[in-house]
Protein backbone atom coordinates (compact mmCIF):
# COMPACT_ATOMS: atom_id res chain seq x y z
CA MET A 1 -0.03 0.07 0.03
CA ASP A 2 2.83 2.56 0.91
CA LYS A 3 4.40 1.90 -2.61
CA GLU A 4 0.94 2.58 -4.17
CA ASN A 5 0.58 5.79 -2.13
CA LYS A 6 3.94 7.11 -3.08
CA LYS A 7 3.01 6.96 -6.74
CA PHE A 8 0.38 9.63 -5.97
CA ASN A 9 2.63 11.84 -3.77
CA LEU A 10 3.39 14.07 -6.80
CA HIS A 11 5.40 17.30 -6.08
CA PRO A 12 3.39 20.38 -7.10
CA VAL A 13 6.14 21.37 -9.45
CA TRP A 14 5.57 18.09 -11.40
CA PHE A 15 1.78 18.57 -11.00
CA PHE A 16 1.96 22.01 -12.78
CA ILE A 17 4.34 20.62 -15.51
CA ILE A 18 1.72 17.71 -16.13
CA LEU A 19 -0.93 20.54 -16.43
CA ILE A 20 1.26 22.43 -18.97
CA VAL A 21 1.70 19.30 -21.15
CA ALA A 22 -2.00 18.59 -20.79
CA THR A 23 -3.04 22.12 -21.69
CA VAL A 24 -0.74 22.02 -24.91
CA LEU A 25 -2.17 18.70 -25.95
CA LEU A 26 -5.71 19.70 -25.21
CA SER A 27 -5.39 23.00 -27.06
CA VAL A 28 -4.21 21.02 -30.27
CA ILE A 29 -7.08 18.45 -30.00
CA LEU A 30 -9.70 21.06 -29.36
CA SER A 31 -8.52 23.16 -32.01
CA ILE A 32 -8.70 20.31 -34.57
CA LEU A 33 -12.09 19.33 -33.35
CA ASN A 34 -13.10 23.03 -33.81
CA PHE A 35 -14.23 23.48 -30.23
CA GLN A 36 -15.86 26.94 -29.93
CA GLY A 37 -18.31 28.93 -27.94
CA THR A 38 -20.62 31.94 -28.37
CA GLN A 39 -20.14 35.05 -26.33
CA ILE A 40 -23.09 37.45 -25.82
CA GLU A 41 -22.35 41.18 -25.48
CA ILE A 42 -24.71 43.94 -24.76
CA SER A 43 -24.01 47.61 -25.66
CA SER A 44 -26.15 50.58 -26.34
CA GLY A 45 -29.33 48.53 -25.73
CA SER A 46 -28.66 45.80 -28.34
CA THR A 47 -27.19 42.49 -28.22
CA SER A 48 -24.29 41.04 -30.29
CA THR A 49 -22.62 37.67 -30.42
CA SER A 50 -18.90 36.71 -31.08
CA LEU A 51 -17.40 33.46 -31.63
CA ILE A 52 -14.57 32.21 -29.34
CA THR A 53 -12.26 29.65 -30.68
CA VAL A 54 -9.41 27.60 -29.25
CA GLU A 55 -5.93 28.75 -29.88
CA SER A 56 -3.53 25.95 -30.37
CA LEU A 57 -0.20 26.10 -28.42
CA LEU A 58 1.44 24.10 -31.21
CA SER A 59 0.62 26.48 -33.92
CA PHE A 60 3.08 29.08 -35.15
CA ASN A 61 1.78 31.73 -32.93
CA GLY A 62 1.29 29.41 -30.02
CA ILE A 63 4.94 28.32 -30.05
CA LYS A 64 6.01 31.89 -30.41
CA PHE A 65 3.94 32.85 -27.37
CA MET A 66 5.32 30.00 -25.16
CA ILE A 67 8.94 31.03 -25.96
CA SER A 68 8.84 34.75 -26.24
CA GLU A 69 6.46 35.44 -23.29
CA SER A 70 7.80 32.97 -20.86
CA LEU A 71 9.79 35.60 -18.93
CA ASN A 72 7.00 38.18 -19.00
CA ASN A 73 4.58 35.57 -17.77
CA PHE A 74 6.80 34.93 -14.75
CA LEU A 75 7.64 38.55 -14.04
CA LYS A 76 3.97 39.72 -14.52
CA PHE A 77 2.57 36.87 -12.37
CA ALA A 78 0.73 38.85 -9.65
CA PRO A 79 1.74 36.55 -6.77
CA LEU A 80 5.49 36.95 -7.34
CA GLY A 81 5.92 40.62 -6.35
CA THR A 82 3.41 40.40 -3.53
CA LEU A 83 5.12 37.27 -2.13
CA ILE A 84 8.41 39.12 -1.75
CA ILE A 85 7.07 42.25 -0.34
CA GLY A 86 4.74 40.31 2.14
CA LEU A 87 7.54 38.10 3.31
CA LEU A 88 9.76 41.03 4.11
CA GLY A 89 7.15 42.40 6.44
CA VAL A 90 6.13 39.17 8.04
CA GLY A 91 9.54 37.61 8.06
CA ILE A 92 11.15 40.15 10.17
CA GLY A 93 8.36 40.08 12.68
CA VAL A 94 8.72 36.26 12.93
CA LYS A 95 12.55 36.55 13.40
CA VAL A 96 12.49 39.04 16.23
CA GLY A 97 9.62 37.33 17.89
CA LEU A 98 6.96 40.13 17.62
CA PHE A 99 4.19 38.05 16.27
CA LYS A 100 4.95 35.15 18.59
CA SER A 101 4.69 37.57 21.60
CA ILE A 102 1.35 39.08 20.30
CA PHE A 103 -0.35 35.76 19.61
CA ASN A 104 0.98 34.22 22.86
CA LYS A 105 -0.87 36.93 24.69
CA LEU A 106 -3.94 36.43 22.72
CA THR A 107 -4.01 32.76 23.60
CA LYS A 108 -4.42 33.72 27.33
CA ILE A 109 -7.52 35.92 26.77
CA ILE A 110 -9.21 34.50 23.60
CA PRO A 111 -10.45 30.81 23.45
CA ARG A 112 -9.07 28.74 20.53
CA LYS A 113 -12.37 28.22 18.94
CA THR A 114 -13.33 31.95 19.14
CA MET A 115 -9.90 33.04 17.75
CA PHE A 116 -10.15 30.71 14.71
CA PHE A 117 -13.50 32.37 13.94
CA ILE A 118 -12.06 35.86 14.39
CA PHE A 119 -8.99 35.10 12.24
CA SER A 120 -11.09 33.46 9.56
CA LEU A 121 -13.46 36.43 9.46
CA LEU A 122 -10.54 38.84 9.26
CA CYS A 123 -9.06 36.77 6.32
CA ILE A 124 -12.48 37.29 4.50
CA VAL A 125 -12.58 41.02 5.24
CA MET A 126 -8.92 41.39 4.04
CA GLY A 127 -9.97 39.71 0.85
CA PHE A 128 -10.69 42.95 -0.68
CA SER A 129 -7.04 43.06 -1.53
CA SER A 130 -6.12 39.44 -2.57
CA ASP A 131 -2.50 40.47 -3.00
CA MET A 132 -2.28 41.32 0.68
CA ALA A 133 -4.64 38.76 2.15
CA PHE A 134 -2.90 35.59 0.76
CA VAL A 135 0.80 36.62 1.40
CA ILE A 136 0.19 38.17 4.76
CA MET A 137 -2.60 36.07 6.39
CA ILE A 138 -1.23 32.64 5.41
CA PRO A 139 2.06 32.91 7.14
CA LEU A 140 0.45 34.78 10.18
CA SER A 141 -1.80 31.85 10.47
CA ALA A 142 1.09 29.54 10.98
CA ILE A 143 2.38 31.57 13.91
CA LEU A 144 -1.11 31.87 15.37
CA PHE A 145 -1.65 28.04 15.23
CA THR A 146 1.73 27.31 16.87
CA GLU A 147 0.72 29.38 19.92
CA TYR A 148 -2.59 27.51 20.08
CA LYS A 149 -0.65 24.20 19.80
CA ARG A 150 -2.48 23.30 16.58
CA SER A 151 -0.99 22.16 13.19
CA GLN A 152 0.46 25.00 11.14
CA VAL A 153 -0.48 23.40 7.79
CA VAL A 154 -4.16 23.37 8.84
CA GLY A 155 -3.79 27.01 9.99
CA MET A 156 -2.53 27.95 6.62
CA THR A 157 -5.19 26.00 4.77
CA MET A 158 -7.88 27.79 6.97
CA ALA A 159 -6.40 31.18 5.96
CA PHE A 160 -6.22 30.34 2.29
CA VAL A 161 -9.75 28.92 2.21
CA SER A 162 -11.06 31.93 4.06
CA VAL A 163 -9.69 34.46 1.60
CA ALA A 164 -10.25 32.29 -1.55
CA ALA A 165 -13.75 31.15 -0.67
CA GLY A 166 -14.66 34.66 0.69
CA ALA A 167 -13.34 36.41 -2.44
CA ASN A 168 -16.72 37.61 -3.54
CA ILE A 169 -18.28 38.60 -0.21
CA ASN A 170 -17.34 40.87 2.63
CA LEU A 171 -18.74 42.83 5.53
CA PHE A 172 -19.08 46.06 3.52
CA ILE A 173 -19.28 47.13 0.00
CA THR A 174 -16.33 47.03 -2.09
CA SER A 175 -15.33 47.85 -5.74
CA LEU A 176 -16.48 44.33 -6.58
CA ASP A 177 -20.05 45.44 -6.09
CA TYR A 178 -19.73 48.27 -8.50
CA SER A 179 -17.97 46.09 -11.02
CA LEU A 180 -20.61 43.37 -11.01
CA LEU A 181 -23.44 45.98 -11.15
CA GLU A 182 -21.99 47.80 -14.14
CA ILE A 183 -21.62 44.63 -16.16
CA ALA A 184 -25.17 43.63 -15.17
CA LYS A 185 -27.00 46.99 -15.98
CA PRO A 186 -27.15 46.40 -19.80
CA ALA A 187 -28.62 42.90 -19.33
CA VAL A 188 -31.19 44.27 -16.91
CA ASN A 189 -32.14 47.15 -19.25
CA ILE A 190 -32.83 44.64 -22.10
CA VAL A 191 -35.57 43.05 -20.05
CA ASP A 192 -36.85 45.98 -18.04
CA SER A 193 -35.46 49.41 -18.75
CA ASN A 194 -37.26 50.76 -15.69
CA TYR A 195 -35.73 48.49 -13.31
CA SER A 196 -33.19 50.13 -10.90
CA ILE A 197 -30.51 47.79 -9.68
CA SER A 198 -28.91 49.03 -6.45
CA TYR A 199 -25.19 49.15 -5.57
CA SER A 200 -26.03 47.88 -2.06
CA GLY A 201 -28.47 45.27 -3.42
CA ASN A 202 -26.42 42.32 -1.90
CA LEU A 203 -25.35 43.93 1.32
CA TYR A 204 -27.40 41.85 3.76
CA PHE A 205 -26.58 38.72 1.86
CA ILE A 206 -22.70 39.17 1.75
CA VAL A 207 -22.60 40.20 5.46
CA ILE A 208 -24.42 37.09 6.58
CA SER A 209 -22.59 34.90 4.24
CA SER A 210 -19.28 36.18 5.47
CA LEU A 211 -20.19 35.53 9.08
CA LEU A 212 -21.52 31.87 8.26
CA LEU A 213 -18.54 31.21 6.14
CA ALA A 214 -16.14 32.19 8.96
CA LEU A 215 -18.21 30.09 11.36
CA ILE A 216 -18.14 26.90 9.18
CA ILE A 217 -14.42 27.20 8.40
CA SER A 218 -13.52 27.67 12.14
CA ILE A 219 -15.68 24.52 12.90
CA VAL A 220 -13.97 22.35 10.31
CA THR A 221 -10.52 23.73 11.29
CA ASN A 222 -11.15 22.62 14.92
CA ILE A 223 -12.13 19.15 13.75
CA VAL A 224 -9.35 18.71 11.21
CA SER A 225 -6.56 20.09 13.44
CA LYS A 226 -7.12 17.81 16.34
CA ASN A 227 -5.00 15.01 15.00
CA LYS A 228 -2.47 16.79 13.03
CA PRO A 229 1.09 17.12 14.10
CA VAL A 230 2.39 20.53 15.32
CA ARG A 231 5.94 21.68 14.33
CA ILE A 232 7.69 23.48 17.08
CA GLY A 233 10.86 25.36 16.16
CA ASN A 234 13.95 25.16 18.48
CA ASP A 235 15.59 28.30 17.39
CA GLU A 236 13.46 30.82 19.30
CA ASN A 237 15.28 33.33 21.48
CA GLU A 238 14.23 33.85 25.11
CA ILE A 239 13.12 37.30 25.76
CA SER A 240 12.65 38.66 29.41
CA GLU A 241 8.97 39.63 30.25
CA LYS A 242 10.01 43.16 31.14
CA LEU A 243 11.73 43.82 27.77
CA ASP A 244 8.89 42.07 25.93
CA ARG A 245 6.37 44.45 27.43
CA ARG A 246 8.37 47.36 26.81
CA GLY A 247 8.86 46.34 23.18
CA LEU A 248 5.25 45.77 22.55
CA ARG A 249 4.26 49.20 24.07
CA LYS A 250 6.77 51.07 21.76
CA ALA A 251 5.65 48.95 18.74
CA LEU A 252 2.08 49.70 19.57
CA PHE A 253 2.72 53.43 19.97
CA ALA A 254 4.44 53.34 16.44
CA LEU A 255 1.48 51.50 14.93
CA ILE A 256 -1.03 54.05 16.29
CA ILE A 257 0.98 56.91 14.79
CA MET A 258 1.16 55.15 11.47
CA ALA A 259 -2.42 54.23 11.67
CA LEU A 260 -3.44 57.86 12.19
CA VAL A 261 -1.39 59.05 9.25
CA PHE A 262 -3.03 56.11 7.22
CA ILE A 263 -6.50 57.14 8.19
CA TYR A 264 -5.76 60.73 7.33
CA SER A 265 -4.53 59.69 3.94
CA ILE A 266 -7.97 58.31 2.98
CA ILE A 267 -10.16 61.18 4.29
CA PRO A 268 -10.93 63.54 1.32
CA GLY A 269 -11.12 67.27 1.49
CA LEU A 270 -8.54 67.87 4.22
CA PRO A 271 -5.09 69.54 3.61
CA LEU A 272 -2.77 67.18 2.07
CA SER A 273 -5.13 64.31 2.62
CA GLY A 274 -6.78 61.87 0.27
CA PHE A 275 -3.55 60.94 -1.56
CA LEU A 276 -4.49 57.12 -1.33
CA LEU A 277 -7.79 57.91 -3.12
CA ASP A 278 -8.67 57.73 -6.69
CA SER A 279 -9.89 61.34 -7.10
CA SER A 280 -11.27 60.54 -10.57
CA GLN A 281 -14.11 58.50 -9.04
CA GLU A 282 -17.51 59.90 -7.92
CA PHE A 283 -18.42 57.65 -5.06
CA TYR A 284 -16.17 57.24 -2.02
CA VAL A 285 -16.06 53.49 -2.11
CA ASN A 286 -14.72 53.63 -5.61
CA LYS A 287 -12.15 56.16 -4.65
CA LEU A 288 -11.13 53.90 -1.87
CA PHE A 289 -11.48 50.40 -3.46
CA GLY A 290 -11.41 51.24 -7.24
CA ALA A 291 -9.07 49.33 -9.57
CA ASN A 292 -6.87 52.41 -9.83
CA ALA A 293 -7.17 53.47 -6.30
CA PRO A 294 -3.59 53.88 -4.55
CA PHE A 295 -5.12 52.38 -1.46
CA VAL A 296 -5.75 49.00 -3.09
CA SER A 297 -2.58 48.90 -5.19
CA GLY A 298 -0.51 50.06 -2.17
CA ILE A 299 -2.15 48.40 0.84
CA LEU A 300 0.35 45.55 0.87
CA TYR A 301 3.31 47.88 0.83
CA ILE A 302 1.69 49.90 3.67
CA VAL A 303 1.04 46.82 5.82
CA SER A 304 4.30 45.25 5.15
CA PHE A 305 6.14 48.65 5.85
CA ALA A 306 4.26 48.91 9.07
CA PHE A 307 5.29 45.46 10.14
CA ILE A 308 8.98 46.17 9.36
CA VAL A 309 8.90 49.41 11.49
CA CYS A 310 7.12 47.83 14.40
CA SER A 311 9.45 44.65 14.17
CA ILE A 312 12.52 46.91 14.17
CA ILE A 313 11.40 49.00 17.15
CA TYR A 314 10.41 45.66 19.07
CA GLY A 315 13.62 44.07 18.06
CA VAL A 316 15.91 46.99 19.12
CA THR A 317 13.98 47.25 22.55
CA THR A 318 14.28 43.58 23.24
CA LYS A 319 17.89 43.62 22.10
CA GLN A 320 17.19 41.17 19.29
CA LEU A 321 18.54 43.78 16.82
CA LYS A 322 21.87 45.48 18.06
CA ASN A 323 22.87 47.35 15.08
CA GLU A 324 21.78 48.24 11.40
CA LYS A 325 23.47 45.14 10.18
CA ASP A 326 21.27 43.04 12.32
CA VAL A 327 18.26 44.74 10.56
CA ILE A 328 19.49 43.94 7.10
CA LYS A 329 20.48 40.36 8.08
CA ASN A 330 16.93 39.76 9.49
CA LEU A 331 15.24 41.28 6.44
CA SER A 332 17.30 39.16 4.07
CA ASN A 333 16.70 35.97 6.23
CA SER A 334 12.90 36.71 5.68
CA LEU A 335 13.51 35.55 1.99
CA ASN A 336 15.47 32.37 3.02
CA CYS A 337 13.98 28.96 2.00
CA ILE A 338 11.63 30.49 -0.82
CA GLY A 339 13.58 28.81 -3.60
CA GLU A 340 11.04 26.03 -3.91
CA ILE A 341 8.21 28.66 -3.81
CA LEU A 342 9.96 30.65 -6.70
CA LEU A 343 10.16 27.37 -8.67
CA LEU A 344 6.45 26.70 -8.09
CA VAL A 345 5.56 30.28 -9.01
CA PHE A 346 7.53 30.01 -12.29
CA VAL A 347 5.83 26.78 -13.47
CA ALA A 348 2.46 27.89 -12.28
CA SER A 349 2.88 31.38 -14.07
CA GLN A 350 3.55 29.44 -17.37
CA PHE A 351 0.63 27.15 -17.02
CA THR A 352 -1.91 29.92 -16.13
CA ALA A 353 -0.67 32.16 -19.01
CA MET A 354 -0.82 29.25 -21.54
CA PHE A 355 -4.29 28.24 -20.34
CA ARG A 356 -5.61 31.71 -20.77
CA TYR A 357 -3.99 32.03 -24.22
CA THR A 358 -5.95 28.84 -25.37
CA ASN A 359 -9.28 30.31 -24.54
CA ILE A 360 -10.42 27.01 -23.22
CA GLY A 361 -11.85 28.51 -20.03
CA ASN A 362 -13.87 31.19 -21.77
CA ILE A 363 -15.26 28.47 -24.18
CA VAL A 364 -16.21 26.07 -21.50
CA CYS A 365 -18.04 28.77 -19.55
CA ALA A 366 -19.92 30.13 -22.64
CA ASN A 367 -21.03 26.49 -23.47
CA LEU A 368 -22.11 25.86 -19.97
CA PHE A 369 -24.35 28.94 -20.01
CA SER A 370 -25.60 28.08 -23.39
CA LEU A 371 -26.81 24.64 -21.98
CA ILE A 372 -28.66 26.43 -19.19
CA GLU A 373 -30.35 28.68 -21.69
CA GLY A 374 -31.38 25.80 -23.89
CA SER A 375 -32.75 23.86 -20.96
CA ASN A 376 -35.78 25.99 -20.50
CA ALA A 377 -35.48 25.39 -16.85
CA SER A 378 -37.17 27.74 -14.26
CA PHE A 379 -37.29 28.49 -10.58
CA ILE A 380 -35.52 25.87 -8.46
CA LEU A 381 -34.17 23.87 -11.51
CA LEU A 382 -32.72 27.16 -13.06
CA ILE A 383 -30.99 27.93 -9.82
CA ILE A 384 -29.66 24.42 -9.48
CA PHE A 385 -28.26 24.30 -13.13
CA SER A 386 -26.72 27.70 -12.60
CA ILE A 387 -24.91 26.97 -9.41
CA LEU A 388 -23.42 23.83 -10.98
CA ALA A 389 -22.50 25.71 -14.23
CA ILE A 390 -20.97 28.57 -12.45
CA ALA A 391 -18.93 26.35 -10.04
CA ILE A 392 -17.67 24.06 -12.85
CA GLY A 393 -16.94 27.19 -14.97
CA ASN A 394 -14.90 28.62 -12.19
CA ILE A 395 -12.45 25.71 -12.27
CA PHE A 396 -11.45 26.85 -15.90
CA LEU A 397 -12.02 30.67 -15.50
CA PRO A 398 -11.52 31.82 -11.87
CA SER A 399 -11.67 35.62 -12.87
CA THR A 400 -14.86 36.94 -11.31
CA SER A 401 -15.35 39.80 -13.85
CA ALA A 402 -14.51 37.76 -16.95
CA LYS A 403 -16.98 35.08 -15.82
CA TRP A 404 -19.69 37.59 -14.95
CA SER A 405 -19.38 39.13 -18.34
CA LEU A 406 -20.13 35.76 -19.99
CA PHE A 407 -22.83 34.86 -17.39
CA ALA A 408 -24.78 38.16 -17.04
CA PRO A 409 -25.97 38.65 -20.55
CA THR A 410 -27.38 35.02 -20.86
CA LEU A 411 -28.68 34.33 -17.34
CA ILE A 412 -30.00 37.64 -15.91
CA PRO A 413 -32.79 37.66 -18.49
CA LEU A 414 -33.60 34.07 -17.77
CA PHE A 415 -33.84 34.80 -13.99
CA MET A 416 -35.86 37.94 -14.49
CA LYS A 417 -38.36 35.92 -16.52
CA SER A 418 -38.71 33.54 -13.72
CA ASN A 419 -39.39 36.46 -11.37
CA ILE A 420 -35.92 36.23 -9.72
CA THR A 421 -34.38 39.67 -9.14
CA PRO A 422 -30.98 40.55 -10.76
CA GLU A 423 -29.52 41.28 -7.26
CA PHE A 424 -30.37 37.66 -6.31
CA THR A 425 -28.98 36.42 -9.62
CA GLU A 426 -25.68 38.21 -8.68
CA ALA A 427 -25.84 36.82 -5.12
CA ILE A 428 -26.17 33.38 -6.47
CA PHE A 429 -23.21 34.01 -8.88
CA ARG A 430 -20.97 35.33 -6.03
CA LEU A 431 -21.39 32.12 -3.94
CA SER A 432 -21.26 29.77 -6.75
CA SER A 433 -18.17 30.97 -8.43
CA SER A 434 -16.27 30.82 -5.06
CA ILE A 435 -17.16 27.18 -4.35
CA THR A 436 -14.33 25.92 -6.59
CA ASN A 437 -11.89 28.84 -5.96
CA ILE A 438 -10.10 26.82 -3.38
CA ILE A 439 -9.38 23.78 -5.52
CA THR A 440 -8.72 25.06 -9.07
CA PRO A 441 -5.00 25.25 -9.98
CA VAL A 442 -5.86 27.92 -12.60
CA PHE A 443 -6.43 30.31 -9.64
CA SER A 444 -3.25 32.40 -9.36
CA TYR A 445 -2.85 32.30 -5.59
CA PHE A 446 -3.46 28.54 -5.33
CA VAL A 447 0.30 28.24 -5.97
CA ILE A 448 1.01 30.59 -2.96
CA PHE A 449 -0.91 28.26 -0.77
CA LEU A 450 1.04 25.19 -2.06
CA GLY A 451 4.35 27.06 -1.48
CA PHE A 452 3.58 27.92 2.12
CA ILE A 453 2.44 24.31 2.86
CA GLY A 454 5.77 23.15 1.37
CA LEU A 455 7.69 25.22 4.08
CA TYR A 456 6.11 23.14 6.77
CA SER A 457 5.89 19.86 4.91
CA LYS A 458 9.45 19.07 3.81
CA SER A 459 9.22 15.32 4.33
CA ASP A 460 5.75 14.65 2.83
CA PHE A 461 5.16 17.69 0.62
CA SER A 462 2.91 16.60 -2.31
CA ILE A 463 -0.20 17.85 -4.22
CA ASN A 464 -2.17 14.89 -2.84
CA LYS A 465 -1.50 16.08 0.76
CA CYS A 466 -2.53 19.64 -0.19
CA TYR A 467 -5.81 18.55 -1.70
CA LYS A 468 -6.53 16.20 1.26
CA LEU A 469 -6.26 19.44 3.41
CA LEU A 470 -8.79 21.22 1.17
CA TRP A 471 -11.37 18.60 0.56
CA PRO A 472 -13.22 18.84 3.98
CA TYR A 473 -13.47 22.67 3.61
CA PHE A 474 -14.64 22.32 -0.06
CA ILE A 475 -17.40 19.85 1.00
CA ALA A 476 -18.53 22.02 3.96
CA ILE A 477 -18.45 25.36 1.94
CA ALA A 478 -20.40 23.70 -1.01
CA ILE A 479 -23.17 22.53 1.37
CA LEU A 480 -23.24 25.97 3.23
CA TRP A 481 -23.50 27.94 0.03
CA ILE A 482 -26.32 25.67 -1.37
CA PHE A 483 -28.16 26.04 2.00
CA ILE A 484 -27.83 29.82 2.07
CA ILE A 485 -28.93 30.26 -1.57
CA PHE A 486 -32.08 28.05 -1.31
CA GLY A 487 -32.80 29.09 2.23
CA TRP A 488 -32.83 32.83 1.29
CA TYR A 489 -34.97 31.92 -1.75
CA VAL A 490 -37.57 30.02 0.31
CA LEU A 491 -37.79 32.64 3.05
CA LYS A 492 -37.89 35.58 0.73
CA ALA A 493 -35.81 37.56 3.17
CA PRO A 494 -34.32 40.85 1.90
CA ILE A 495 -30.73 40.57 0.49
CA GLY A 496 -30.18 44.21 0.58
CA PRO A 497 -32.01 47.43 1.43
CA ASN A 498 -35.51 47.07 -0.10
CA VAL A 499 -34.24 44.24 -2.30
CA PHE A 500 -35.74 40.67 -2.33
CA PRO A 501 -34.88 37.32 -4.03
CA THR A 502 -38.01 37.65 -6.23
CA ILE A 503 -39.61 40.39 -8.09
């Protein structure tokens, strides 16, 4: 049996290499078979269709793309830069013992189950910036779980699942709400030009979903982590209680000062304020969370910088850092042992870029939605088919906006004809498209999760192990999302201010 199990203990690097080979072969086969899909576009009140075809990777242009764009695919891969910046901030805090001290004190006042819920919810909230959430919250979870004497790999899995599964929901309105609404408006107007779709139409729905998601993730985590081993480091420095308290006070004071400056920078209309806002936007939430807002693009750097400053102050106070050379040494040590992660990032970046180039994901989604349209289903069956189609489509096309652009023109009219509001259609889409976020290798930040798991699983690191960690969460979240969608539909409860599931 052991020999058989070892055959499936494939290192994630080889897993992505196999996916690359499969993508190349699949693109050739589907191109020969003329596999294609129809994309519906709505503009200026009229609909038009465009044909999407598979691009073969063994064609002249395909081979040219694989060779000439390989470096750009790696350098432009979003997780690469964010990983380095995030590790600089978190790494020095780990080295000097700042995070260990903070979490150690939290264990004495907050019960483990409560803390897991709070941390999971915090991951969901931080998901408005996936760049920051994945590279900051995953390593922090390992330290938190160490202090609670629970498996670090389960903690990192919990953090990844919370951010990935909670990618389309939050406790407040973000730019995602505006993006989804702007895509949906033309489809709504085709059916009913007088229908007014609201930006806050999903507010109650996403808040309740966020709380329930954090709850179910914390429950699963408590169950799964009971029998998993905990890795305890032996290289931790002993710090006196007196120096530790003094260091934390100084670090906290510095954090408060930086927080005040940060808050001032996102308040419009004051002298020299608002420099983290996108002044071209009309609404404040777009000024703050818009695609071009300095707040969103710079939040990872801001948080990492705050971590570095607080860590240096704590380290100097506790005498962990004696001079400027120690600072540089600890910062550089933060990037030790990431060679394997960089290798993973390289092969994953090639796979995701090549898969996008083939158009397979877009075509699969377009055909899935066409099947729903041709099924003539209504009410409950329409919701069931849509959940399945969106969840399956998300495996091939994790991009929320790209998928919604394919989904909205086709299914919003179908849902409205079945007396289901566009807002509830959007709510169904939000949850359904995040069900498979945590298991699809096409999702860019999936590789970051694999890389961090590898740091704590040197002896048995494999793609099989990573998926074993994810399956309990996947099953629980799928059941929860289905329960929320149908429960809300049956109860006819408001999903936002004056917005209900049915018209």
